[in-house]
């Protein structure tokens, strides 16, 4: 958790798959400045070839298995694409 990617600190990073996962809570992401900053950061990371998946803390609390399966599917896709399969 909390890994540096350039000037950013992200929640989770899979370097080989070029994937960042962020878990956001309303408590810390409810204001316009934070919301817009997150979107700017997502665009910058995407420009570097890094996908960003965002989940809320409520997503995790309600169905952590679905979150895990979503991340796993994305990882498989990214690694398959990277390996040219």
N, C-alpha and C. Protein backbone atom coordinates (compact mmCIF):
# COMPACT_ATOMS: atom_id res chain seq x y z
N UNK A 1 0.83 -1.19 0.00
CA UNK A 1 0.00 0.00 0.00
C UNK A 1 0.87 1.24 0.00
N UNK A 2 0.27 2.30 -0.52
CA UNK A 2 0.93 3.60 -0.57
C UNK A 2 2.32 3.51 -1.18
N UNK A 3 2.32 3.43 -2.49
CA UNK A 3 3.54 3.28 -3.28
C UNK A 3 3.74 4.53 -4.11
N UNK A 4 4.98 4.95 -4.28
CA UNK A 4 5.28 6.11 -5.12
C UNK A 4 5.33 5.73 -6.59
N UNK A 5 4.66 6.54 -7.39
CA UNK A 5 4.73 6.44 -8.85
C UNK A 5 4.99 7.85 -9.34
N UNK A 6 6.24 8.12 -9.66
CA UNK A 6 6.60 9.50 -10.00
C UNK A 6 6.34 10.40 -8.81
N UNK A 7 5.60 11.47 -9.06
CA UNK A 7 5.29 12.43 -8.00
C UNK A 7 4.08 12.04 -7.17
N UNK A 8 3.47 10.92 -7.50
CA UNK A 8 2.23 10.52 -6.84
C UNK A 8 2.45 9.40 -5.85
N UNK A 9 1.57 9.34 -4.87
CA UNK A 9 1.49 8.20 -3.96
C UNK A 9 0.16 7.53 -4.23
N UNK A 10 0.22 6.25 -4.58
CA UNK A 10 -1.00 5.52 -4.92
C UNK A 10 -1.24 4.44 -3.87
N UNK A 11 -2.47 3.95 -3.82
CA UNK A 11 -2.82 2.95 -2.82
C UNK A 11 -2.19 1.59 -3.12
N UNK A 12 -2.34 1.13 -4.36
CA UNK A 12 -1.80 -0.18 -4.74
C UNK A 12 -1.22 -0.07 -6.15
N UNK A 13 -0.13 -0.79 -6.38
CA UNK A 13 0.53 -0.75 -7.68
C UNK A 13 1.01 -2.14 -8.07
N UNK A 14 0.69 -2.52 -9.30
CA UNK A 14 1.25 -3.71 -9.92
C UNK A 14 2.09 -3.19 -11.08
N UNK A 15 3.41 -3.03 -10.85
CA UNK A 15 4.29 -2.42 -11.85
C UNK A 15 4.29 -3.17 -13.16
N UNK A 16 4.45 -4.50 -13.11
CA UNK A 16 4.53 -5.28 -14.35
C UNK A 16 3.26 -5.15 -15.19
N UNK A 17 2.13 -5.04 -14.54
CA UNK A 17 0.86 -4.92 -15.26
C UNK A 17 0.51 -3.46 -15.53
N UNK A 18 1.30 -2.53 -15.00
CA UNK A 18 1.06 -1.10 -15.17
C UNK A 18 -0.36 -0.75 -14.72
N UNK A 19 -0.66 -1.17 -13.49
CA UNK A 19 -1.98 -0.97 -12.93
C UNK A 19 -1.89 -0.35 -11.54
N UNK A 20 -2.69 0.67 -11.34
CA UNK A 20 -2.85 1.31 -10.04
C UNK A 20 -4.28 1.09 -9.59
N UNK A 21 -4.46 0.77 -8.32
CA UNK A 21 -5.79 0.66 -7.73
C UNK A 21 -5.86 1.67 -6.59
N UNK A 22 -6.91 2.47 -6.63
CA UNK A 22 -7.15 3.46 -5.57
C UNK A 22 -8.44 3.10 -4.85
N UNK A 23 -8.41 3.21 -3.55
CA UNK A 23 -9.60 3.01 -2.73
C UNK A 23 -9.93 4.35 -2.08
N UNK A 24 -11.07 4.89 -2.46
CA UNK A 24 -11.46 6.23 -2.02
C UNK A 24 -12.61 6.16 -1.04
N UNK A 25 -12.57 7.04 -0.08
CA UNK A 25 -13.70 7.18 0.83
C UNK A 25 -14.31 8.55 0.64
N UNK A 26 -15.59 8.64 0.85
CA UNK A 26 -16.28 9.92 0.72
C UNK A 26 -15.69 10.95 1.69
N UNK A 27 -15.27 10.47 2.82
CA UNK A 27 -14.73 11.36 3.84
C UNK A 27 -13.55 12.17 3.33
N UNK A 28 -12.68 11.55 2.53
CA UNK A 28 -11.48 12.23 2.06
C UNK A 28 -11.54 12.69 0.61
N UNK A 29 -12.62 12.36 -0.08
CA UNK A 29 -12.71 12.69 -1.51
C UNK A 29 -14.00 13.41 -1.86
N UNK A 30 -14.63 14.07 -0.91
CA UNK A 30 -15.93 14.67 -1.15
C UNK A 30 -15.86 16.09 -1.68
N UNK A 31 -14.72 16.75 -1.56
CA UNK A 31 -14.67 18.14 -2.01
C UNK A 31 -14.20 18.23 -3.46
N UNK A 32 -14.55 19.31 -4.11
CA UNK A 32 -14.26 19.50 -5.53
C UNK A 32 -12.75 19.46 -5.83
N UNK A 33 -11.95 20.08 -4.99
CA UNK A 33 -10.50 20.13 -5.24
C UNK A 33 -9.91 18.72 -5.27
N UNK A 34 -10.25 17.90 -4.30
CA UNK A 34 -9.73 16.53 -4.26
C UNK A 34 -10.25 15.72 -5.43
N UNK A 35 -11.53 15.86 -5.73
CA UNK A 35 -12.13 15.14 -6.85
C UNK A 35 -11.41 15.49 -8.15
N UNK A 36 -11.22 16.77 -8.41
CA UNK A 36 -10.57 17.20 -9.65
C UNK A 36 -9.09 16.82 -9.67
N UNK A 37 -8.44 16.88 -8.54
CA UNK A 37 -7.03 16.48 -8.46
C UNK A 37 -6.88 15.00 -8.78
N UNK A 38 -7.78 14.18 -8.27
CA UNK A 38 -7.75 12.74 -8.56
C UNK A 38 -7.91 12.50 -10.05
N UNK A 39 -8.82 13.22 -10.70
CA UNK A 39 -9.03 13.02 -12.13
C UNK A 39 -7.82 13.48 -12.95
N UNK A 40 -7.20 14.54 -12.53
CA UNK A 40 -5.99 15.02 -13.20
C UNK A 40 -4.87 13.99 -13.07
N UNK A 41 -4.72 13.44 -11.90
CA UNK A 41 -3.71 12.42 -11.66
C UNK A 41 -3.99 11.17 -12.49
N UNK A 42 -5.27 10.77 -12.56
CA UNK A 42 -5.64 9.61 -13.38
C UNK A 42 -5.26 9.83 -14.85
N UNK A 43 -5.53 11.02 -15.37
CA UNK A 43 -5.17 11.32 -16.76
C UNK A 43 -3.67 11.26 -16.97
N UNK A 44 -2.92 11.80 -16.03
CA UNK A 44 -1.46 11.79 -16.13
C UNK A 44 -0.93 10.35 -16.11
N UNK A 45 -1.42 9.55 -15.19
CA UNK A 45 -0.98 8.16 -15.12
C UNK A 45 -1.37 7.41 -16.39
N UNK A 46 -2.57 7.64 -16.89
CA UNK A 46 -3.02 6.99 -18.12
C UNK A 46 -2.10 7.39 -19.28
N UNK A 47 -1.69 8.64 -19.31
CA UNK A 47 -0.76 9.11 -20.33
C UNK A 47 0.59 8.41 -20.26
N UNK A 48 0.93 7.89 -19.11
CA UNK A 48 2.17 7.13 -18.92
C UNK A 48 1.95 5.64 -19.18
N UNK A 49 0.74 5.28 -19.61
CA UNK A 49 0.44 3.88 -19.89
C UNK A 49 0.03 3.07 -18.67
N UNK A 50 -0.36 3.76 -17.61
CA UNK A 50 -0.76 3.09 -16.37
C UNK A 50 -2.27 3.22 -16.22
N UNK A 51 -2.96 2.09 -16.12
CA UNK A 51 -4.40 2.11 -15.89
C UNK A 51 -4.67 2.37 -14.41
N UNK A 52 -5.77 3.06 -14.14
CA UNK A 52 -6.17 3.33 -12.77
C UNK A 52 -7.58 2.78 -12.57
N UNK A 53 -7.73 1.91 -11.59
CA UNK A 53 -9.04 1.44 -11.18
C UNK A 53 -9.35 2.08 -9.84
N UNK A 54 -10.56 2.59 -9.72
CA UNK A 54 -10.99 3.22 -8.46
C UNK A 54 -12.16 2.46 -7.87
N UNK A 55 -12.07 2.24 -6.59
CA UNK A 55 -13.16 1.62 -5.83
C UNK A 55 -13.40 2.49 -4.61
N UNK A 56 -14.59 2.40 -4.09
CA UNK A 56 -14.87 3.12 -2.85
C UNK A 56 -14.69 2.17 -1.67
N UNK A 57 -14.53 2.77 -0.51
CA UNK A 57 -14.43 1.93 0.68
C UNK A 57 -15.73 1.15 0.89
N UNK A 58 -16.84 1.71 0.43
CA UNK A 58 -18.13 0.99 0.53
C UNK A 58 -18.15 -0.20 -0.42
N UNK A 59 -17.52 -0.07 -1.62
CA UNK A 59 -17.41 -1.22 -2.52
C UNK A 59 -16.75 -2.38 -1.80
N UNK A 60 -15.66 -2.08 -1.12
CA UNK A 60 -14.93 -3.13 -0.39
C UNK A 60 -15.76 -3.71 0.74
N UNK A 61 -16.44 -2.86 1.46
CA UNK A 61 -17.23 -3.32 2.59
C UNK A 61 -18.42 -4.18 2.14
N UNK A 62 -19.01 -3.80 1.03
CA UNK A 62 -20.21 -4.51 0.54
C UNK A 62 -19.87 -5.82 -0.17
N UNK A 63 -18.80 -5.79 -0.99
CA UNK A 63 -18.50 -6.98 -1.79
C UNK A 63 -17.02 -7.01 -2.17
N UNK A 64 -16.19 -7.31 -1.20
CA UNK A 64 -14.76 -7.32 -1.44
C UNK A 64 -14.36 -8.37 -2.48
N UNK A 65 -15.12 -9.44 -2.56
CA UNK A 65 -14.82 -10.47 -3.55
C UNK A 65 -15.00 -9.93 -4.97
N UNK A 66 -16.04 -9.16 -5.21
CA UNK A 66 -16.27 -8.57 -6.53
C UNK A 66 -15.15 -7.61 -6.89
N UNK A 67 -14.69 -6.84 -5.91
CA UNK A 67 -13.57 -5.93 -6.14
C UNK A 67 -12.33 -6.73 -6.52
N UNK A 68 -12.05 -7.77 -5.77
CA UNK A 68 -10.87 -8.59 -6.05
C UNK A 68 -10.96 -9.24 -7.43
N UNK A 69 -12.14 -9.72 -7.80
CA UNK A 69 -12.31 -10.34 -9.11
C UNK A 69 -12.14 -9.33 -10.24
N UNK A 70 -12.60 -8.12 -10.02
CA UNK A 70 -12.44 -7.06 -11.01
C UNK A 70 -10.96 -6.73 -11.21
N UNK A 71 -10.22 -6.63 -10.12
CA UNK A 71 -8.79 -6.36 -10.21
C UNK A 71 -8.07 -7.51 -10.91
N UNK A 72 -8.41 -8.73 -10.53
CA UNK A 72 -7.78 -9.90 -11.14
C UNK A 72 -8.04 -9.96 -12.64
N UNK A 73 -9.26 -9.68 -13.06
CA UNK A 73 -9.58 -9.69 -14.49
C UNK A 73 -8.76 -8.64 -15.23
N UNK A 74 -8.63 -7.47 -14.63
CA UNK A 74 -7.85 -6.41 -15.26
C UNK A 74 -6.37 -6.79 -15.34
N UNK A 75 -5.86 -7.36 -14.27
CA UNK A 75 -4.46 -7.81 -14.28
C UNK A 75 -4.22 -8.85 -15.36
N UNK A 76 -5.10 -9.80 -15.46
CA UNK A 76 -4.95 -10.84 -16.49
C UNK A 76 -4.95 -10.23 -17.89
N UNK A 77 -5.87 -9.29 -18.13
CA UNK A 77 -5.94 -8.62 -19.43
C UNK A 77 -4.66 -7.86 -19.73
N UNK A 78 -4.20 -7.09 -18.76
CA UNK A 78 -2.99 -6.28 -18.97
C UNK A 78 -1.77 -7.16 -19.23
N UNK A 79 -1.61 -8.21 -18.47
CA UNK A 79 -0.46 -9.09 -18.65
C UNK A 79 -0.54 -9.87 -19.96
N UNK A 80 -1.75 -10.28 -20.33
CA UNK A 80 -1.94 -10.97 -21.61
C UNK A 80 -1.59 -10.03 -22.76
N UNK A 81 -2.06 -8.79 -22.70
CA UNK A 81 -1.77 -7.81 -23.74
C UNK A 81 -0.28 -7.51 -23.81
N UNK A 82 0.34 -7.42 -22.65
CA UNK A 82 1.79 -7.16 -22.58
C UNK A 82 2.59 -8.28 -23.22
N UNK A 83 2.14 -9.51 -22.98
CA UNK A 83 2.86 -10.68 -23.47
C UNK A 83 2.47 -11.04 -24.91
N UNK A 84 1.52 -10.28 -25.48
CA UNK A 84 1.11 -10.51 -26.86
C UNK A 84 0.32 -11.78 -27.09
N UNK A 85 -0.44 -12.19 -26.12
CA UNK A 85 -1.24 -13.43 -26.27
C UNK A 85 -2.65 -13.11 -26.68
